[in-house]
PDB file of N, CA and C in Angstrom:
ATOM      1  N   MET A   1    -184.587  74.706   0.462  1.00  0.00           N
ATOM      2  CA  MET A   1    -183.761  75.815  -0.112  1.00  0.00           C
ATOM      3  C   MET A   1    -183.373  75.521  -1.492  1.00  0.00           C
ATOM      4  N   ARG A   2    -183.159  76.588  -2.291  1.00  0.00           N
ATOM      5  CA  ARG A   2    -182.674  76.385  -3.611  1.00  0.00           C
ATOM      6  C   ARG A   2    -181.263  76.000  -3.649  1.00  0.00           C
ATOM      7  N   GLU A   3    -180.844  75.196  -4.619  1.00  0.00           N
ATOM      8  CA  GLU A   3    -179.507  74.672  -4.697  1.00  0.00           C
ATOM      9  C   GLU A   3    -178.580  75.746  -5.469  1.00  0.00           C
ATOM     10  N   ALA A   4    -177.369  75.832  -5.067  1.00  0.00           N
ATOM     11  CA  ALA A   4    -176.272  76.549  -5.724  1.00  0.00           C
ATOM     12  C   ALA A   4    -176.482  78.074  -5.690  1.00  0.00           C
ATOM     13  N   ILE A   5    -177.170  78.630  -4.700  1.00  0.00           N
ATOM     14  CA  ILE A   5    -177.318  80.050  -4.514  1.00  0.00           C
ATOM     15  C   ILE A   5    -176.669  80.576  -3.263  1.00  0.00           C
ATOM     16  N   HIS A   6    -176.285  79.649  -2.331  1.00  0.00           N
ATOM     17  CA  HIS A   6    -175.728  80.051  -1.111  1.00  0.00           C
ATOM     18  C   HIS A   6    -174.308  79.943  -1.054  1.00  0.00           C
ATOM     19  N   PRO A   7    -173.567  80.914  -0.422  1.00  0.00           N
ATOM     20  CA  PRO A   7    -172.109  80.746  -0.352  1.00  0.00           C
ATOM     21  C   PRO A   7    -171.763  79.508   0.596  1.00  0.00           C
ATOM     22  N   SER A   8    -170.517  79.007   0.283  1.00  0.00           N
ATOM     23  CA  SER A   8    -170.135  77.854   1.097  1.00  0.00           C
ATOM     24  C   SER A   8    -169.801  78.379   2.554  1.00  0.00           C
ATOM     25  N   TYR A   9    -170.162  77.518   3.555  1.00  0.00           N
ATOM     26  CA  TYR A   9    -169.940  77.823   4.889  1.00  0.00           C
ATOM     27  C   TYR A   9    -168.991  76.881   5.459  1.00  0.00           C
ATOM     28  N   GLY A  10    -167.845  77.403   5.960  1.00  0.00           N
ATOM     29  CA  GLY A  10    -166.775  76.418   6.433  1.00  0.00           C
ATOM     30  C   GLY A  10    -165.921  77.053   7.508  1.00  0.00           C
ATOM     31  N   PRO A  11    -165.015  76.363   8.002  1.00  0.00           N
ATOM     32  CA  PRO A  11    -164.076  76.856   8.944  1.00  0.00           C
ATOM     33  C   PRO A  11    -163.180  77.896   8.527  1.00  0.00           C
ATOM     34  N   VAL A  12    -162.902  78.980   9.198  1.00  0.00           N
ATOM     35  CA  VAL A  12    -162.087  80.043   8.876  1.00  0.00           C
ATOM     36  C   VAL A  12    -161.421  80.597  10.205  1.00  0.00           C
ATOM     37  N   VAL A  13    -160.141  80.931  10.099  1.00  0.00           N
ATOM     38  CA  VAL A  13    -159.417  81.545  11.167  1.00  0.00           C
ATOM     39  C   VAL A  13    -159.463  83.076  11.099  1.00  0.00           C
ATOM     40  N   PHE A  14    -159.960  83.733  12.084  1.00  0.00           N
ATOM     41  CA  PHE A  14    -159.975  85.197  12.177  1.00  0.00           C
ATOM     42  C   PHE A  14    -158.771  85.614  13.054  1.00  0.00           C
ATOM     43  N   ARG A  15    -157.901  86.458  12.557  1.00  0.00           N
ATOM     44  CA  ARG A  15    -156.654  86.829  13.305  1.00  0.00           C
ATOM     45  C   ARG A  15    -156.698  88.429  13.486  1.00  0.00           C
ATOM     46  N   ASP A  16    -156.657  88.729  14.798  1.00  0.00           N
ATOM     47  CA  ASP A  16    -156.636  90.112  15.228  1.00  0.00           C
ATOM     48  C   ASP A  16    -155.101  90.524  15.231  1.00  0.00           C
ATOM     49  N   ARG A  17    -154.782  91.370  14.271  1.00  0.00           N
ATOM     50  CA  ARG A  17    -153.377  91.818  14.207  1.00  0.00           C
ATOM     51  C   ARG A  17    -152.867  92.659  15.301  1.00  0.00           C
ATOM     52  N   ALA A  18    -153.798  93.478  15.876  1.00  0.00           N
ATOM     53  CA  ALA A  18    -153.492  94.389  16.934  1.00  0.00           C
ATOM     54  C   ALA A  18    -153.031  93.692  18.256  1.00  0.00           C
ATOM     55  N   ALA A  19    -153.766  92.515  18.562  1.00  0.00           N
ATOM     56  CA  ALA A  19    -153.588  91.899  19.795  1.00  0.00           C
ATOM     57  C   ALA A  19    -152.815  90.517  19.589  1.00  0.00           C
ATOM     58  N   ASP A  20    -152.482  90.109  18.355  1.00  0.00           N
ATOM     59  CA  ASP A  20    -151.792  88.873  18.059  1.00  0.00           C
ATOM     60  C   ASP A  20    -152.644  87.753  18.620  1.00  0.00           C
ATOM     61  N   TYR A  21    -153.856  87.702  18.279  1.00  0.00           N
ATOM     62  CA  TYR A  21    -154.796  86.800  18.795  1.00  0.00           C
ATOM     63  C   TYR A  21    -155.582  86.180  17.593  1.00  0.00           C
ATOM     64  N   ALA A  22    -155.855  84.829  17.612  1.00  0.00           N
ATOM     65  CA  ALA A  22    -156.541  84.275  16.509  1.00  0.00           C
ATOM     66  C   ALA A  22    -157.602  83.279  17.009  1.00  0.00           C
ATOM     67  N   PHE A  23    -158.609  83.130  16.346  1.00  0.00           N
ATOM     68  CA  PHE A  23    -159.607  82.009  16.749  1.00  0.00           C
ATOM     69  C   PHE A  23    -160.326  81.510  15.512  1.00  0.00           C
ATOM     70  N   LEU A  24    -160.629  80.167  15.691  1.00  0.00           N
ATOM     71  CA  LEU A  24    -161.128  79.392  14.613  1.00  0.00           C
ATOM     72  C   LEU A  24    -162.662  79.335  14.839  1.00  0.00           C
ATOM     73  N   THR A  25    -163.479  79.634  13.748  1.00  0.00           N
ATOM     74  CA  THR A  25    -164.828  79.558  13.669  1.00  0.00           C
ATOM     75  C   THR A  25    -165.285  79.176  12.292  1.00  0.00           C
ATOM     76  N   ARG A  26    -166.639  79.272  12.101  1.00  0.00           N
ATOM     77  CA  ARG A  26    -167.187  78.982  10.740  1.00  0.00           C
ATOM     78  C   ARG A  26    -167.747  80.269  10.248  1.00  0.00           C
ATOM     79  N   SER A  27    -167.492  80.437   8.874  1.00  0.00           N
ATOM     80  CA  SER A  27    -168.040  81.654   8.259  1.00  0.00           C
ATOM     81  C   SER A  27    -168.116  81.454   6.831  1.00  0.00           C
ATOM     82  N   THR A  28    -168.808  82.338   6.101  1.00  0.00           N
ATOM     83  CA  THR A  28    -168.821  82.265   4.649  1.00  0.00           C
ATOM     84  C   THR A  28    -167.729  83.134   4.036  1.00  0.00           C
ATOM     85  N   MET A  29    -167.000  83.818   4.834  1.00  0.00           N
ATOM     86  CA  MET A  29    -165.857  84.603   4.337  1.00  0.00           C
ATOM     87  C   MET A  29    -164.685  83.685   3.838  1.00  0.00           C
ATOM     88  N   THR A  30    -164.018  84.115   2.836  1.00  0.00           N
ATOM     89  CA  THR A  30    -162.900  83.273   2.303  1.00  0.00           C
ATOM     90  C   THR A  30    -161.692  84.258   2.164  1.00  0.00           C
ATOM     91  N   SER A  31    -160.514  83.655   2.019  1.00  0.00           N
ATOM     92  CA  SER A  31    -159.379  84.362   1.827  1.00  0.00           C
ATOM     93  C   SER A  31    -158.345  83.626   1.025  1.00  0.00           C
ATOM     94  N   GLY A  32    -157.456  84.328   0.390  1.00  0.00           N
ATOM     95  CA  GLY A  32    -156.424  83.654  -0.384  1.00  0.00           C
ATOM     96  C   GLY A  32    -155.296  83.220   0.521  1.00  0.00           C
ATOM     97  N   LYS A  33    -155.135  83.721   1.734  1.00  0.00           N
ATOM     98  CA  LYS A  33    -154.122  83.405   2.660  1.00  0.00           C
ATOM     99  C   LYS A  33    -154.579  82.203   3.474  1.00  0.00           C
ATOM    100  N   THR A  34    -153.709  81.453   3.863  1.00  0.00           N
ATOM    101  CA  THR A  34    -154.007  80.277   4.794  1.00  0.00           C
ATOM    102  C   THR A  34    -152.982  80.280   5.954  1.00  0.00           C
ATOM    103  N   ILE A  35    -153.353  79.464   7.006  1.00  0.00           N
ATOM    104  CA  ILE A  35    -152.618  79.398   8.181  1.00  0.00           C
ATOM    105  C   ILE A  35    -152.771  77.866   8.630  1.00  0.00           C
ATOM    106  N   GLU A  36    -151.724  77.399   9.257  1.00  0.00           N
ATOM    107  CA  GLU A  36    -151.765  76.072   9.829  1.00  0.00           C
ATOM    108  C   GLU A  36    -152.211  76.202  11.258  1.00  0.00           C
ATOM    109  N   TRP A  37    -153.360  75.549  11.586  1.00  0.00           N
ATOM    110  CA  TRP A  37    -153.888  75.729  12.954  1.00  0.00           C
ATOM    111  C   TRP A  37    -153.287  74.675  13.890  1.00  0.00           C
ATOM    112  N   GLU A  38    -153.607  74.847  15.216  1.00  0.00           N
ATOM    113  CA  GLU A  38    -153.077  74.014  16.206  1.00  0.00           C
ATOM    114  C   GLU A  38    -153.483  72.496  15.992  1.00  0.00           C
ATOM    115  N   ASP A  39    -154.482  72.212  15.357  1.00  0.00           N
ATOM    116  CA  ASP A  39    -154.870  70.789  15.139  1.00  0.00           C
ATOM    117  C   ASP A  39    -154.219  70.237  13.895  1.00  0.00           C
ATOM    118  N   GLY A  40    -153.228  71.018  13.274  1.00  0.00           N
ATOM    119  CA  GLY A  40    -152.558  70.400  12.182  1.00  0.00           C
ATOM    120  C   GLY A  40    -153.238  70.666  10.839  1.00  0.00           C
ATOM    121  N   HIS A  41    -154.405  71.144  10.754  1.00  0.00           N
ATOM    122  CA  HIS A  41    -155.051  71.389   9.481  1.00  0.00           C
ATOM    123  C   HIS A  41    -154.759  72.812   9.019  1.00  0.00           C
ATOM    124  N   THR A  42    -154.876  73.076   7.720  1.00  0.00           N
ATOM    125  CA  THR A  42    -154.701  74.316   7.144  1.00  0.00           C
ATOM    126  C   THR A  42    -156.112  74.988   6.809  1.00  0.00           C
ATOM    127  N   TYR A  43    -156.322  76.296   7.271  1.00  0.00           N
ATOM    128  CA  TYR A  43    -157.523  76.961   7.120  1.00  0.00           C
ATOM    129  C   TYR A  43    -157.234  78.290   6.439  1.00  0.00           C
ATOM    130  N   PRO A  44    -158.261  78.865   5.778  1.00  0.00           N
ATOM    131  CA  PRO A  44    -158.064  80.217   5.298  1.00  0.00           C
ATOM    132  C   PRO A  44    -158.098  81.191   6.521  1.00  0.00           C
ATOM    133  N   VAL A  45    -157.305  82.193   6.376  1.00  0.00           N
ATOM    134  CA  VAL A  45    -157.147  83.247   7.517  1.00  0.00           C
ATOM    135  C   VAL A  45    -157.683  84.564   6.993  1.00  0.00           C
ATOM    136  N   VAL A  46    -158.450  85.283   7.882  1.00  0.00           N
ATOM    137  CA  VAL A  46    -158.912  86.573   7.584  1.00  0.00           C
ATOM    138  C   VAL A  46    -158.373  87.447   8.683  1.00  0.00           C
ATOM    139  N   ASP A  47    -157.640  88.470   8.315  1.00  0.00           N
ATOM    140  CA  ASP A  47    -157.002  89.542   9.221  1.00  0.00           C
ATOM    141  C   ASP A  47    -158.096  90.492   9.492  1.00  0.00           C
ATOM    142  N   VAL A  48    -158.242  90.878  10.762  1.00  0.00           N
ATOM    143  CA  VAL A  48    -159.205  91.851  11.145  1.00  0.00           C
ATOM    144  C   VAL A  48    -158.394  92.984  12.012  1.00  0.00           C
ATOM    145  N   GLU A  49    -158.887  94.164  11.972  1.00  0.00           N
ATOM    146  CA  GLU A  49    -158.219  95.182  12.673  1.00  0.00           C
ATOM    147  C   GLU A  49    -158.467  95.212  14.164  1.00  0.00           C
ATOM    148  N   ILE A  50    -159.708  94.767  14.644  1.00  0.00           N
ATOM    149  CA  ILE A  50    -160.036  94.846  15.976  1.00  0.00           C
ATOM    150  C   ILE A  50    -160.977  93.681  16.327  1.00  0.00           C
ATOM    151  N   SER A  51    -160.841  93.165  17.527  1.00  0.00           N
ATOM    152  CA  SER A  51    -161.768  92.106  17.962  1.00  0.00           C
ATOM    153  C   SER A  51    -162.027  92.396  19.371  1.00  0.00           C
ATOM    154  N   ASP A  52    -162.745  91.379  20.136  1.00  0.00           N
ATOM    155  CA  ASP A  52    -163.093  91.585  21.440  1.00  0.00           C
ATOM    156  C   ASP A  52    -161.829  91.511  22.389  1.00  0.00           C
ATOM    157  N   VAL A  53    -160.759  91.057  21.907  1.00  0.00           N
ATOM    158  CA  VAL A  53    -159.533  90.994  22.684  1.00  0.00           C
ATOM    159  C   VAL A  53    -158.799  92.432  22.711  1.00  0.00           C
ATOM    160  N   SER A  54    -158.932  93.173  21.601  1.00  0.00           N
ATOM    161  CA  SER A  54    -158.294  94.433  21.520  1.00  0.00           C
ATOM    162  C   SER A  54    -159.246  95.696  21.592  1.00  0.00           C
ATOM    163  N   HIS A  55    -160.527  95.457  21.507  1.00  0.00           N
ATOM    164  CA  HIS A  55    -161.494  96.634  21.521  1.00  0.00           C
ATOM    165  C   HIS A  55    -161.490  97.204  22.960  1.00  0.00           C
ATOM    166  N   PRO A  56    -161.431  98.530  23.094  1.00  0.00           N
ATOM    167  CA  PRO A  56    -161.386  99.227  24.365  1.00  0.00           C
ATOM    168  C   PRO A  56    -162.679  98.980  25.183  1.00  0.00           C
ATOM    169  N   PHE A  57    -163.809  98.725  24.590  1.00  0.00           N
ATOM    170  CA  PHE A  57    -165.003  98.497  25.334  1.00  0.00           C
ATOM    171  C   PHE A  57    -164.963  97.198  26.104  1.00  0.00           C
ATOM    172  N   TYR A  58    -164.426  96.198  25.462  1.00  0.00           N
ATOM    173  CA  TYR A  58    -164.284  94.867  26.094  1.00  0.00           C
ATOM    174  C   TYR A  58    -163.081  94.751  27.046  1.00  0.00           C
ATOM    175  N   THR A  59    -162.032  95.453  26.824  1.00  0.00           N
ATOM    176  CA  THR A  59    -160.785  95.363  27.590  1.00  0.00           C
ATOM    177  C   THR A  59    -160.844  96.337  28.809  1.00  0.00           C
ATOM    178  N   GLY A  60    -161.750  97.309  28.821  1.00  0.00           N
ATOM    179  CA  GLY A  60    -161.802  98.152  30.018  1.00  0.00           C
ATOM    180  C   GLY A  60    -160.857  99.305  29.900  1.00  0.00           C
ATOM    181  N   THR A  61    -160.104  99.499  28.814  1.00  0.00           N
ATOM    182  CA  THR A  61    -159.094 100.542  28.672  1.00  0.00           C
ATOM    183  C   THR A  61    -159.573 101.749  27.874  1.00  0.00           C
ATOM    184  N   ALA A  62    -160.872 101.896  27.911  1.00  0.00           N
ATOM    185  CA  ALA A  62    -161.470 103.047  27.182  1.00  0.00           C
ATOM    186  C   ALA A  62    -160.994 104.311  27.829  1.00  0.00           C
ATOM    187  N   ARG A  63    -160.890 105.391  26.975  1.00  0.00           N
ATOM    188  CA  ARG A  63    -160.512 106.664  27.496  1.00  0.00           C
ATOM    189  C   ARG A  63    -161.751 107.395  27.939  1.00  0.00           C
ATOM    190  N   VAL A  64    -161.689 108.049  29.081  1.00  0.00           N
ATOM    191  CA  VAL A  64    -162.831 108.795  29.582  1.00  0.00           C
ATOM    192  C   VAL A  64    -162.590 110.237  29.166  1.00  0.00           C
ATOM    193  N   LEU A  65    -163.618 110.745  28.421  1.00  0.00           N
ATOM    194  CA  LEU A  65    -163.498 112.178  28.038  1.00  0.00           C
ATOM    195  C   LEU A  65    -163.929 113.126  29.125  1.00  0.00           C
ATOM    196  N   ASP A  66    -163.269 114.287  29.134  1.00  0.00           N
ATOM    197  CA  ASP A  66    -163.631 115.363  30.138  1.00  0.00           C
ATOM    198  C   ASP A  66    -164.784 116.177  29.667  1.00  0.00           C
ATOM    199  N   THR A  67    -165.978 115.741  30.193  1.00  0.00           N
ATOM    200  CA  THR A  67    -167.212 116.387  29.815  1.00  0.00           C
ATOM    201  C   THR A  67    -167.568 117.482  30.861  1.00  0.00           C
ATOM    202  N   ALA A  68    -166.937 117.472  32.062  1.00  0.00           N
ATOM    203  CA  ALA A  68    -167.362 118.484  33.080  1.00  0.00           C
ATOM    204  C   ALA A  68    -166.898 119.923  32.638  1.00  0.00           C
ATOM    205  N   GLY A  69    -165.774 120.057  31.968  1.00  0.00           N
ATOM    206  CA  GLY A  69    -165.284 121.428  31.645  1.00  0.00           C
ATOM    207  C   GLY A  69    -165.865 121.875  30.248  1.00  0.00           C
ATOM    208  N   ARG A  70    -166.614 121.158  29.666  1.00  0.00           N
ATOM    209  CA  ARG A  70    -167.083 121.584  28.254  1.00  0.00           C
ATOM    210  C   ARG A  70    -168.047 122.743  28.359  1.00  0.00           C
ATOM    211  N   VAL A  71    -168.984 122.693  29.263  1.00  0.00           N
ATOM    212  CA  VAL A  71    -170.038 123.722  29.407  1.00  0.00           C
ATOM    213  C   VAL A  71    -169.378 125.007  29.798  1.00  0.00           C
ATOM    214  N   GLU A  72    -168.363 124.915  30.810  1.00  0.00           N
ATOM    215  CA  GLU A  72    -167.725 126.114  31.171  1.00  0.00           C
ATOM    216  C   GLU A  72    -166.867 126.755  30.072  1.00  0.00           C
ATOM    217  N   ARG A  73    -166.218 125.962  29.301  1.00  0.00           N
ATOM    218  CA  ARG A  73    -165.512 126.402  28.232  1.00  0.00           C
ATOM    219  C   ARG A  73    -166.337 127.000  27.158  1.00  0.00           C
ATOM    220  N   PHE A  74    -167.439 126.491  26.957  1.00  0.00           N
ATOM    221  CA  PHE A  74    -168.445 127.162  25.885  1.00  0.00           C
ATOM    222  C   PHE A  74    -168.894 128.452  26.494  1.00  0.00           C
ATOM    223  N   GLU A  75    -169.182 128.499  27.820  1.00  0.00           N
ATOM    224  CA  GLU A  75    -169.662 129.790  28.305  1.00  0.00           C
ATOM    225  C   GLU A  75    -168.525 130.871  28.342  1.00  0.00           C
ATOM    226  N   ARG A  76    -167.332 130.480  28.603  1.00  0.00           N
ATOM    227  CA  ARG A  76    -166.241 131.422  28.479  1.00  0.00           C
ATOM    228  C   ARG A  76    -166.030 131.975  27.046  1.00  0.00           C
ATOM    229  N   ARG A  77    -166.090 130.956  26.213  1.00  0.00           N
ATOM    230  CA  ARG A  77    -165.847 131.425  24.731  1.00  0.00           C
ATOM    231  C   ARG A  77    -166.937 132.306  24.200  1.00  0.00           C
ATOM    232  N   TYR A  78    -168.125 131.941  24.422  1.00  0.00           N
ATOM    233  CA  TYR A  78    -169.286 132.741  23.746  1.00  0.00           C
ATOM    234  C   TYR A  78    -170.072 133.560  24.778  1.00  0.00           C
ATOM    235  N   GLY A  79    -169.656 133.623  26.003  1.00  0.00           N
ATOM    236  CA  GLY A  79    -170.372 134.450  26.954  1.00  0.00           C
ATOM    237  C   GLY A  79    -171.704 133.890  27.396  1.00  0.00           C
ATOM    238  N   LYS A  80    -171.970 133.992  28.684  1.00  0.00           N
ATOM    239  CA  LYS A  80    -173.156 133.432  29.284  1.00  0.00           C
ATOM    240  C   LYS A  80    -174.224 134.530  29.179  1.00  0.00           C
ATOM    241  N   LYS A  81    -175.408 134.086  28.549  1.00  0.00           N
ATOM    242  CA  LYS A  81    -176.562 134.939  28.476  1.00  0.00           C
ATOM    243  C   LYS A  81    -177.293 134.958  29.661  1.00  0.00           C
ATOM    244  N   GLY A  82    -177.751 136.117  30.229  1.00  0.00           N
ATOM    245  CA  GLY A  82    -178.520 135.964  31.413  1.00  0.00           C
ATOM    246  C   GLY A  82    -179.102 137.169  31.781  1.00  0.00           C
TER     247      GLY A  82
END
């Protein structure tokens, strides 16, 4: 590989603000904010809006849309051709 063209790859804490959950991983992302982690070291922290802890697909709290009445509502509104 060529030298000095790749971003630095190091430990970063990603914090899900919606679920109050954080995890330590490695990434090329950086941040000006830092956090002291459980191991006593200080790492850059990146705030995210959603993660697997708060996403409805992973948590099973997804809303189910009413699709059964859509066809009937369309036919009532625009009339059934027949």
